[in-house]
Structures are given as structure tokens and as C-alpha cells.
mmCIF file of all heavy atoms, coordinates in Angstrom:
data_MODEL
# 
_entry.id   MODEL 
# 
loop_
_atom_site.group_PDB 
_atom_site.id 
_atom_site.type_symbol 
_atom_site.label_atom_id 
_atom_site.label_alt_id 
_atom_site.label_comp_id 
_atom_site.label_asym_id 
_atom_site.label_entity_id 
_atom_site.label_seq_id 
_atom_site.pdbx_PDB_ins_code 
_atom_site.Cartn_x 
_atom_site.Cartn_y 
_atom_site.Cartn_z 
_atom_site.occupancy 
_atom_site.B_iso_or_equiv 
_atom_site.pdbx_formal_charge 
_atom_site.auth_seq_id 
_atom_site.auth_comp_id 
_atom_site.auth_asym_id 
_atom_site.auth_atom_id 
_atom_site.pdbx_PDB_model_num 
ATOM 1   N N   . LEU A 1 1  ? 13.099 -23.307 -21.447 1.00 0.00 ? 1  LEU A N   1 
ATOM 2   C CA  . LEU A 1 1  ? 13.693 -23.868 -20.232 1.00 0.00 ? 1  LEU A CA  1 
ATOM 3   C C   . LEU A 1 1  ? 14.327 -22.827 -19.298 1.00 0.00 ? 1  LEU A C   1 
ATOM 4   O O   . LEU A 1 1  ? 15.179 -23.167 -18.528 1.00 0.00 ? 1  LEU A O   1 
ATOM 5   C CB  . LEU A 1 1  ? 14.723 -24.925 -20.635 1.00 0.00 ? 1  LEU A CB  1 
ATOM 6   C CG  . LEU A 1 1  ? 14.189 -26.137 -21.419 1.00 0.00 ? 1  LEU A CG  1 
ATOM 7   C CD1 . LEU A 1 1  ? 15.369 -26.965 -21.896 1.00 0.00 ? 1  LEU A CD1 1 
ATOM 8   C CD2 . LEU A 1 1  ? 13.255 -26.960 -20.636 1.00 0.00 ? 1  LEU A CD2 1 
ATOM 9   N N   . TRP A 1 2  ? 13.865 -21.628 -19.381 1.00 0.00 ? 2  TRP A N   1 
ATOM 10  C CA  . TRP A 1 2  ? 14.489 -20.565 -18.625 1.00 0.00 ? 2  TRP A CA  1 
ATOM 11  C C   . TRP A 1 2  ? 14.446 -20.775 -17.122 1.00 0.00 ? 2  TRP A C   1 
ATOM 12  O O   . TRP A 1 2  ? 15.381 -20.445 -16.390 1.00 0.00 ? 2  TRP A O   1 
ATOM 13  C CB  . TRP A 1 2  ? 13.848 -19.181 -18.983 1.00 0.00 ? 2  TRP A CB  1 
ATOM 14  C CG  . TRP A 1 2  ? 14.550 -18.072 -18.361 1.00 0.00 ? 2  TRP A CG  1 
ATOM 15  C CD1 . TRP A 1 2  ? 14.216 -17.278 -17.348 1.00 0.00 ? 2  TRP A CD1 1 
ATOM 16  C CD2 . TRP A 1 2  ? 15.827 -17.544 -18.841 1.00 0.00 ? 2  TRP A CD2 1 
ATOM 17  N NE1 . TRP A 1 2  ? 15.142 -16.350 -17.098 1.00 0.00 ? 2  TRP A NE1 1 
ATOM 18  C CE2 . TRP A 1 2  ? 16.162 -16.491 -17.995 1.00 0.00 ? 2  TRP A CE2 1 
ATOM 19  C CE3 . TRP A 1 2  ? 16.716 -17.898 -19.812 1.00 0.00 ? 2  TRP A CE3 1 
ATOM 20  C CZ2 . TRP A 1 2  ? 17.285 -15.778 -18.160 1.00 0.00 ? 2  TRP A CZ2 1 
ATOM 21  C CZ3 . TRP A 1 2  ? 17.881 -17.186 -19.999 1.00 0.00 ? 2  TRP A CZ3 1 
ATOM 22  C CH2 . TRP A 1 2  ? 18.187 -16.136 -19.113 1.00 0.00 ? 2  TRP A CH2 1 
ATOM 23  N N   . HIS A 1 3  ? 13.374 -21.395 -16.634 1.00 0.00 ? 3  HIS A N   1 
ATOM 24  C CA  . HIS A 1 3  ? 13.234 -21.552 -15.163 1.00 0.00 ? 3  HIS A CA  1 
ATOM 25  C C   . HIS A 1 3  ? 13.943 -22.837 -14.680 1.00 0.00 ? 3  HIS A C   1 
ATOM 26  O O   . HIS A 1 3  ? 14.058 -23.023 -13.487 1.00 0.00 ? 3  HIS A O   1 
ATOM 27  C CB  . HIS A 1 3  ? 11.767 -21.608 -14.791 1.00 0.00 ? 3  HIS A CB  1 
ATOM 28  C CG  . HIS A 1 3  ? 11.080 -20.342 -15.124 1.00 0.00 ? 3  HIS A CG  1 
ATOM 29  N ND1 . HIS A 1 3  ? 11.349 -19.137 -14.454 1.00 0.00 ? 3  HIS A ND1 1 
ATOM 30  C CD2 . HIS A 1 3  ? 10.142 -20.003 -16.055 1.00 0.00 ? 3  HIS A CD2 1 
ATOM 31  C CE1 . HIS A 1 3  ? 10.630 -18.186 -14.923 1.00 0.00 ? 3  HIS A CE1 1 
ATOM 32  N NE2 . HIS A 1 3  ? 9.867  -18.659 -15.904 1.00 0.00 ? 3  HIS A NE2 1 
ATOM 33  N N   . ASP A 1 4  ? 14.383 -23.691 -15.594 1.00 0.00 ? 4  ASP A N   1 
ATOM 34  C CA  . ASP A 1 4  ? 15.146 -24.900 -15.213 1.00 0.00 ? 4  ASP A CA  1 
ATOM 35  C C   . ASP A 1 4  ? 16.616 -24.596 -15.440 1.00 0.00 ? 4  ASP A C   1 
ATOM 36  O O   . ASP A 1 4  ? 17.094 -24.414 -16.549 1.00 0.00 ? 4  ASP A O   1 
ATOM 37  C CB  . ASP A 1 4  ? 14.741 -26.063 -16.096 1.00 0.00 ? 4  ASP A CB  1 
ATOM 38  C CG  . ASP A 1 4  ? 15.450 -27.380 -15.822 1.00 0.00 ? 4  ASP A CG  1 
ATOM 39  O OD1 . ASP A 1 4  ? 16.066 -27.416 -14.789 1.00 0.00 ? 4  ASP A OD1 1 
ATOM 40  O OD2 . ASP A 1 4  ? 15.409 -28.267 -16.665 1.00 0.00 ? 4  ASP A OD2 1 
ATOM 41  N N   . ARG A 1 5  ? 17.308 -24.501 -14.384 1.00 0.00 ? 5  ARG A N   1 
ATOM 42  C CA  . ARG A 1 5  ? 18.753 -24.091 -14.386 1.00 0.00 ? 5  ARG A CA  1 
ATOM 43  C C   . ARG A 1 5  ? 19.600 -24.945 -15.307 1.00 0.00 ? 5  ARG A C   1 
ATOM 44  O O   . ARG A 1 5  ? 20.316 -24.483 -16.191 1.00 0.00 ? 5  ARG A O   1 
ATOM 45  C CB  . ARG A 1 5  ? 19.362 -24.014 -12.991 1.00 0.00 ? 5  ARG A CB  1 
ATOM 46  C CG  . ARG A 1 5  ? 20.710 -23.495 -12.971 1.00 0.00 ? 5  ARG A CG  1 
ATOM 47  C CD  . ARG A 1 5  ? 21.212 -23.394 -11.541 1.00 0.00 ? 5  ARG A CD  1 
ATOM 48  N NE  . ARG A 1 5  ? 22.614 -22.932 -11.538 1.00 0.00 ? 5  ARG A NE  1 
ATOM 49  C CZ  . ARG A 1 5  ? 23.544 -23.434 -10.779 1.00 0.00 ? 5  ARG A CZ  1 
ATOM 50  N NH1 . ARG A 1 5  ? 23.261 -24.328 -9.930  1.00 0.00 ? 5  ARG A NH1 1 
ATOM 51  N NH2 . ARG A 1 5  ? 24.768 -22.982 -10.904 1.00 0.00 ? 5  ARG A NH2 1 
ATOM 52  N N   . ILE A 1 6  ? 19.500 -26.280 -15.110 1.00 0.00 ? 6  ILE A N   1 
ATOM 53  C CA  . ILE A 1 6  ? 20.295 -27.195 -15.903 1.00 0.00 ? 6  ILE A CA  1 
ATOM 54  C C   . ILE A 1 6  ? 19.866 -27.171 -17.423 1.00 0.00 ? 6  ILE A C   1 
ATOM 55  O O   . ILE A 1 6  ? 20.713 -27.172 -18.285 1.00 0.00 ? 6  ILE A O   1 
ATOM 56  C CB  . ILE A 1 6  ? 20.202 -28.612 -15.335 1.00 0.00 ? 6  ILE A CB  1 
ATOM 57  C CG1 . ILE A 1 6  ? 20.853 -28.650 -13.973 1.00 0.00 ? 6  ILE A CG1 1 
ATOM 58  C CG2 . ILE A 1 6  ? 20.877 -29.648 -16.257 1.00 0.00 ? 6  ILE A CG2 1 
ATOM 59  C CD1 . ILE A 1 6  ? 20.664 -29.960 -13.223 1.00 0.00 ? 6  ILE A CD1 1 
ATOM 60  N N   . GLY A 1 7  ? 18.566 -27.136 -17.654 1.00 0.00 ? 7  GLY A N   1 
ATOM 61  C CA  . GLY A 1 7  ? 18.061 -27.072 -18.987 1.00 0.00 ? 7  GLY A CA  1 
ATOM 62  C C   . GLY A 1 7  ? 18.492 -25.828 -19.736 1.00 0.00 ? 7  GLY A C   1 
ATOM 63  O O   . GLY A 1 7  ? 18.834 -25.836 -20.860 1.00 0.00 ? 7  GLY A O   1 
ATOM 64  N N   . ARG A 1 8  ? 18.445 -24.697 -19.000 1.00 0.00 ? 8  ARG A N   1 
ATOM 65  C CA  . ARG A 1 8  ? 18.800 -23.446 -19.579 1.00 0.00 ? 8  ARG A CA  1 
ATOM 66  C C   . ARG A 1 8  ? 20.303 -23.411 -19.979 1.00 0.00 ? 8  ARG A C   1 
ATOM 67  O O   . ARG A 1 8  ? 20.605 -23.016 -21.058 1.00 0.00 ? 8  ARG A O   1 
ATOM 68  C CB  . ARG A 1 8  ? 18.537 -22.291 -18.602 1.00 0.00 ? 8  ARG A CB  1 
ATOM 69  C CG  . ARG A 1 8  ? 18.947 -20.938 -19.099 1.00 0.00 ? 8  ARG A CG  1 
ATOM 70  C CD  . ARG A 1 8  ? 18.704 -19.818 -18.086 1.00 0.00 ? 8  ARG A CD  1 
ATOM 71  N NE  . ARG A 1 8  ? 19.396 -20.054 -16.812 1.00 0.00 ? 8  ARG A NE  1 
ATOM 72  C CZ  . ARG A 1 8  ? 18.856 -19.955 -15.624 1.00 0.00 ? 8  ARG A CZ  1 
ATOM 73  N NH1 . ARG A 1 8  ? 17.602 -19.558 -15.497 1.00 0.00 ? 8  ARG A NH1 1 
ATOM 74  N NH2 . ARG A 1 8  ? 19.536 -20.103 -14.564 1.00 0.00 ? 8  ARG A NH2 1 
ATOM 75  N N   . TRP A 1 9  ? 21.113 -23.877 -19.078 1.00 0.00 ? 9  TRP A N   1 
ATOM 76  C CA  . TRP A 1 9  ? 22.605 -23.852 -19.421 1.00 0.00 ? 9  TRP A CA  1 
ATOM 77  C C   . TRP A 1 9  ? 22.908 -24.869 -20.515 1.00 0.00 ? 9  TRP A C   1 
ATOM 78  O O   . TRP A 1 9  ? 23.804 -24.653 -21.287 1.00 0.00 ? 9  TRP A O   1 
ATOM 79  C CB  . TRP A 1 9  ? 23.414 -24.095 -18.152 1.00 0.00 ? 9  TRP A CB  1 
ATOM 80  C CG  . TRP A 1 9  ? 23.447 -22.839 -17.320 1.00 0.00 ? 9  TRP A CG  1 
ATOM 81  C CD1 . TRP A 1 9  ? 22.798 -22.590 -16.171 1.00 0.00 ? 9  TRP A CD1 1 
ATOM 82  C CD2 . TRP A 1 9  ? 24.146 -21.641 -17.683 1.00 0.00 ? 9  TRP A CD2 1 
ATOM 83  N NE1 . TRP A 1 9  ? 23.062 -21.297 -15.759 1.00 0.00 ? 9  TRP A NE1 1 
ATOM 84  C CE2 . TRP A 1 9  ? 23.927 -20.730 -16.672 1.00 0.00 ? 9  TRP A CE2 1 
ATOM 85  C CE3 . TRP A 1 9  ? 24.992 -21.293 -18.698 1.00 0.00 ? 9  TRP A CE3 1 
ATOM 86  C CZ2 . TRP A 1 9  ? 24.434 -19.429 -16.645 1.00 0.00 ? 9  TRP A CZ2 1 
ATOM 87  C CZ3 . TRP A 1 9  ? 25.487 -19.976 -18.742 1.00 0.00 ? 9  TRP A CZ3 1 
ATOM 88  C CH2 . TRP A 1 9  ? 25.271 -19.110 -17.716 1.00 0.00 ? 9  TRP A CH2 1 
ATOM 89  N N   . SER A 1 10 ? 22.236 -26.027 -20.539 1.00 0.00 ? 10 SER A N   1 
ATOM 90  C CA  . SER A 1 10 ? 22.455 -26.955 -21.555 1.00 0.00 ? 10 SER A CA  1 
ATOM 91  C C   . SER A 1 10 ? 22.057 -26.445 -22.908 1.00 0.00 ? 10 SER A C   1 
ATOM 92  O O   . SER A 1 10 ? 22.788 -26.583 -23.890 1.00 0.00 ? 10 SER A O   1 
ATOM 93  C CB  . SER A 1 10 ? 21.696 -28.283 -21.265 1.00 0.00 ? 10 SER A CB  1 
ATOM 94  O OG  . SER A 1 10 ? 22.120 -28.877 -20.091 1.00 0.00 ? 10 SER A OG  1 
ATOM 95  N N   . ALA A 1 11 ? 20.879 -25.787 -22.969 1.00 0.00 ? 11 ALA A N   1 
ATOM 96  C CA  . ALA A 1 11 ? 20.408 -25.290 -24.255 1.00 0.00 ? 11 ALA A CA  1 
ATOM 97  C C   . ALA A 1 11 ? 21.324 -24.072 -24.668 1.00 0.00 ? 11 ALA A C   1 
ATOM 98  O O   . ALA A 1 11 ? 21.597 -23.924 -25.907 1.00 0.00 ? 11 ALA A O   1 
ATOM 99  C CB  . ALA A 1 11 ? 18.942 -24.774 -24.123 1.00 0.00 ? 11 ALA A CB  1 
ATOM 100 N N   . LEU A 1 12 ? 21.754 -23.309 -23.770 1.00 0.00 ? 12 LEU A N   1 
ATOM 101 C CA  . LEU A 1 12 ? 22.604 -22.190 -24.046 1.00 0.00 ? 12 LEU A CA  1 
ATOM 102 C C   . LEU A 1 12 ? 23.966 -22.625 -24.603 1.00 0.00 ? 12 LEU A C   1 
ATOM 103 O O   . LEU A 1 12 ? 24.464 -22.114 -25.575 1.00 0.00 ? 12 LEU A O   1 
ATOM 104 C CB  . LEU A 1 12 ? 22.808 -21.267 -22.885 1.00 0.00 ? 12 LEU A CB  1 
ATOM 105 C CG  . LEU A 1 12 ? 23.443 -19.906 -23.082 1.00 0.00 ? 12 LEU A CG  1 
ATOM 106 C CD1 . LEU A 1 12 ? 22.656 -19.098 -24.113 1.00 0.00 ? 12 LEU A CD1 1 
ATOM 107 C CD2 . LEU A 1 12 ? 23.600 -19.168 -21.798 1.00 0.00 ? 12 LEU A CD2 1 
ATOM 108 N N   . THR A 1 13 ? 24.465 -23.664 -24.000 1.00 0.00 ? 13 THR A N   1 
ATOM 109 C CA  . THR A 1 13 ? 25.757 -24.310 -24.437 1.00 0.00 ? 13 THR A CA  1 
ATOM 110 C C   . THR A 1 13 ? 25.615 -24.827 -25.830 1.00 0.00 ? 13 THR A C   1 
ATOM 111 O O   . THR A 1 13 ? 26.504 -24.614 -26.708 1.00 0.00 ? 13 THR A O   1 
ATOM 112 C CB  . THR A 1 13 ? 26.186 -25.406 -23.459 1.00 0.00 ? 13 THR A CB  1 
ATOM 113 O OG1 . THR A 1 13 ? 26.306 -24.866 -22.168 1.00 0.00 ? 13 THR A OG1 1 
ATOM 114 C CG2 . THR A 1 13 ? 27.502 -26.030 -23.933 1.00 0.00 ? 13 THR A CG2 1 
ATOM 115 N N   . ALA A 1 14 ? 24.464 -25.510 -26.116 1.00 0.00 ? 14 ALA A N   1 
ATOM 116 C CA  . ALA A 1 14 ? 24.257 -26.046 -27.450 1.00 0.00 ? 14 ALA A CA  1 
ATOM 117 C C   . ALA A 1 14 ? 24.126 -24.925 -28.449 1.00 0.00 ? 14 ALA A C   1 
ATOM 118 O O   . ALA A 1 14 ? 24.663 -24.986 -29.571 1.00 0.00 ? 14 ALA A O   1 
ATOM 119 C CB  . ALA A 1 14 ? 22.991 -26.894 -27.442 1.00 0.00 ? 14 ALA A CB  1 
ATOM 120 N N   . ALA A 1 15 ? 23.405 -23.838 -28.111 1.00 0.00 ? 15 ALA A N   1 
ATOM 121 C CA  . ALA A 1 15 ? 23.251 -22.739 -29.064 1.00 0.00 ? 15 ALA A CA  1 
ATOM 122 C C   . ALA A 1 15 ? 24.566 -22.038 -29.346 1.00 0.00 ? 15 ALA A C   1 
ATOM 123 O O   . ALA A 1 15 ? 24.859 -21.745 -30.530 1.00 0.00 ? 15 ALA A O   1 
ATOM 124 C CB  . ALA A 1 15 ? 22.247 -21.760 -28.501 1.00 0.00 ? 15 ALA A CB  1 
ATOM 125 N N   . VAL A 1 16 ? 25.414 -21.813 -28.373 1.00 0.00 ? 16 VAL A N   1 
ATOM 126 C CA  . VAL A 1 16 ? 26.672 -21.220 -28.605 1.00 0.00 ? 16 VAL A CA  1 
ATOM 127 C C   . VAL A 1 16 ? 27.616 -22.067 -29.397 1.00 0.00 ? 16 VAL A C   1 
ATOM 128 O O   . VAL A 1 16 ? 28.297 -21.606 -30.318 1.00 0.00 ? 16 VAL A O   1 
ATOM 129 C CB  . VAL A 1 16 ? 27.352 -20.795 -27.261 1.00 0.00 ? 16 VAL A CB  1 
ATOM 130 C CG1 . VAL A 1 16 ? 28.742 -20.326 -27.445 1.00 0.00 ? 16 VAL A CG1 1 
ATOM 131 C CG2 . VAL A 1 16 ? 26.503 -19.664 -26.612 1.00 0.00 ? 16 VAL A CG2 1 
ATOM 132 N N   . SER A 1 17 ? 27.538 -23.399 -29.145 1.00 0.00 ? 17 SER A N   1 
ATOM 133 C CA  . SER A 1 17 ? 28.342 -24.345 -29.936 1.00 0.00 ? 17 SER A CA  1 
ATOM 134 C C   . SER A 1 17 ? 27.906 -24.341 -31.392 1.00 0.00 ? 17 SER A C   1 
ATOM 135 O O   . SER A 1 17 ? 28.787 -24.389 -32.291 1.00 0.00 ? 17 SER A O   1 
ATOM 136 C CB  . SER A 1 17 ? 28.184 -25.717 -29.321 1.00 0.00 ? 17 SER A CB  1 
ATOM 137 O OG  . SER A 1 17 ? 28.625 -25.748 -28.021 1.00 0.00 ? 17 SER A OG  1 
ATOM 138 N N   . ILE A 1 18 ? 26.665 -24.265 -31.670 1.00 0.00 ? 18 ILE A N   1 
ATOM 139 C CA  . ILE A 1 18 ? 26.142 -24.276 -33.022 1.00 0.00 ? 18 ILE A CA  1 
ATOM 140 C C   . ILE A 1 18 ? 26.628 -23.010 -33.734 1.00 0.00 ? 18 ILE A C   1 
ATOM 141 O O   . ILE A 1 18 ? 27.025 -23.053 -34.909 1.00 0.00 ? 18 ILE A O   1 
ATOM 142 C CB  . ILE A 1 18 ? 24.656 -24.398 -33.027 1.00 0.00 ? 18 ILE A CB  1 
ATOM 143 C CG1 . ILE A 1 18 ? 24.267 -25.789 -32.622 1.00 0.00 ? 18 ILE A CG1 1 
ATOM 144 C CG2 . ILE A 1 18 ? 24.055 -24.074 -34.417 1.00 0.00 ? 18 ILE A CG2 1 
ATOM 145 C CD1 . ILE A 1 18 ? 22.765 -26.017 -32.344 1.00 0.00 ? 18 ILE A CD1 1 
ATOM 146 N N   . LEU A 1 19 ? 26.558 -21.827 -33.038 1.00 0.00 ? 19 LEU A N   1 
ATOM 147 C CA  . LEU A 1 19 ? 27.011 -20.638 -33.639 1.00 0.00 ? 19 LEU A CA  1 
ATOM 148 C C   . LEU A 1 19 ? 28.536 -20.653 -33.933 1.00 0.00 ? 19 LEU A C   1 
ATOM 149 O O   . LEU A 1 19 ? 28.974 -20.080 -34.899 1.00 0.00 ? 19 LEU A O   1 
ATOM 150 C CB  . LEU A 1 19 ? 26.666 -19.433 -32.740 1.00 0.00 ? 19 LEU A CB  1 
ATOM 151 C CG  . LEU A 1 19 ? 25.199 -19.052 -32.707 1.00 0.00 ? 19 LEU A CG  1 
ATOM 152 C CD1 . LEU A 1 19 ? 24.995 -17.914 -31.716 1.00 0.00 ? 19 LEU A CD1 1 
ATOM 153 C CD2 . LEU A 1 19 ? 24.728 -18.602 -34.074 1.00 0.00 ? 19 LEU A CD2 1 
ATOM 154 N N   . ALA A 1 20 ? 29.323 -21.336 -33.089 1.00 0.00 ? 20 ALA A N   1 
ATOM 155 C CA  . ALA A 1 20 ? 30.722 -21.479 -33.278 1.00 0.00 ? 20 ALA A CA  1 
ATOM 156 C C   . ALA A 1 20 ? 31.079 -22.359 -34.482 1.00 0.00 ? 20 ALA A C   1 
ATOM 157 O O   . ALA A 1 20 ? 32.077 -22.146 -35.189 1.00 0.00 ? 20 ALA A O   1 
ATOM 158 C CB  . ALA A 1 20 ? 31.420 -21.890 -32.036 1.00 0.00 ? 20 ALA A CB  1 
ATOM 159 N N   . ILE A 1 21 ? 30.264 -23.386 -34.668 1.00 0.00 ? 21 ILE A N   1 
ATOM 160 C CA  . ILE A 1 21 ? 30.549 -24.359 -35.699 1.00 0.00 ? 21 ILE A CA  1 
ATOM 161 C C   . ILE A 1 21 ? 30.006 -23.967 -37.070 1.00 0.00 ? 21 ILE A C   1 
ATOM 162 O O   . ILE A 1 21 ? 30.571 -24.312 -38.125 1.00 0.00 ? 21 ILE A O   1 
ATOM 163 C CB  . ILE A 1 21 ? 30.038 -25.752 -35.252 1.00 0.00 ? 21 ILE A CB  1 
ATOM 164 C CG1 . ILE A 1 21 ? 30.793 -26.272 -34.083 1.00 0.00 ? 21 ILE A CG1 1 
ATOM 165 C CG2 . ILE A 1 21 ? 30.076 -26.770 -36.412 1.00 0.00 ? 21 ILE A CG2 1 
ATOM 166 C CD1 . ILE A 1 21 ? 30.207 -27.483 -33.437 1.00 0.00 ? 21 ILE A CD1 1 
ATOM 167 N N   . ALA A 1 22 ? 28.918 -23.246 -37.100 1.00 0.00 ? 22 ALA A N   1 
ATOM 168 C CA  . ALA A 1 22 ? 28.205 -22.910 -38.331 1.00 0.00 ? 22 ALA A CA  1 
ATOM 169 C C   . ALA A 1 22 ? 29.037 -22.288 -39.455 1.00 0.00 ? 22 ALA A C   1 
ATOM 170 O O   . ALA A 1 22 ? 28.983 -22.705 -40.589 1.00 0.00 ? 22 ALA A O   1 
ATOM 171 C CB  . ALA A 1 22 ? 27.004 -22.032 -38.063 1.00 0.00 ? 22 ALA A CB  1 
ATOM 172 N N   . PRO A 1 23 ? 29.970 -21.363 -39.147 1.00 0.00 ? 23 PRO A N   1 
ATOM 173 C CA  . PRO A 1 23 ? 30.819 -20.804 -40.272 1.00 0.00 ? 23 PRO A CA  1 
ATOM 174 C C   . PRO A 1 23 ? 31.721 -21.852 -40.912 1.00 0.00 ? 23 PRO A C   1 
ATOM 175 O O   . PRO A 1 23 ? 31.974 -21.778 -42.099 1.00 0.00 ? 23 PRO A O   1 
ATOM 176 C CB  . PRO A 1 23 ? 31.631 -19.753 -39.551 1.00 0.00 ? 23 PRO A CB  1 
ATOM 177 C CG  . PRO A 1 23 ? 30.910 -19.380 -38.297 1.00 0.00 ? 23 PRO A CG  1 
ATOM 178 C CD  . PRO A 1 23 ? 30.217 -20.655 -37.892 1.00 0.00 ? 23 PRO A CD  1 
ATOM 179 N N   . PHE A 1 24 ? 32.113 -22.838 -40.149 1.00 0.00 ? 24 PHE A N   1 
ATOM 180 C CA  . PHE A 1 24 ? 32.997 -23.864 -40.721 1.00 0.00 ? 24 PHE A CA  1 
ATOM 181 C C   . PHE A 1 24 ? 32.216 -24.949 -41.518 1.00 0.00 ? 24 PHE A C   1 
ATOM 182 O O   . PHE A 1 24 ? 32.786 -25.713 -42.225 1.00 0.00 ? 24 PHE A O   1 
ATOM 183 C CB  . PHE A 1 24 ? 33.840 -24.503 -39.620 1.00 0.00 ? 24 PHE A CB  1 
ATOM 184 C CG  . PHE A 1 24 ? 34.678 -23.486 -38.867 1.00 0.00 ? 24 PHE A CG  1 
ATOM 185 C CD1 . PHE A 1 24 ? 34.319 -23.131 -37.633 1.00 0.00 ? 24 PHE A CD1 1 
ATOM 186 C CD2 . PHE A 1 24 ? 35.772 -22.938 -39.465 1.00 0.00 ? 24 PHE A CD2 1 
ATOM 187 C CE1 . PHE A 1 24 ? 35.053 -22.167 -36.918 1.00 0.00 ? 24 PHE A CE1 1 
ATOM 188 C CE2 . PHE A 1 24 ? 36.522 -21.996 -38.791 1.00 0.00 ? 24 PHE A CE2 1 
ATOM 189 C CZ  . PHE A 1 24 ? 36.180 -21.598 -37.515 1.00 0.00 ? 24 PHE A CZ  1 
# 
């Protein structure tokens, strides 16, 4: 979704959230 601005930011937010939650 790199060319879709909203999709890119949504996916990036989800990925960062998953990385933050995974250790716990």
C-alpha cells in the first residue's frame, strides 16, 4: 500500500503497534 497514503500509514501504525506489544 505504499502509493496509498492512508493505507500506508494504517499499515505502518499496525506494524509498529505489533512490535510494541509482542515482547509483552
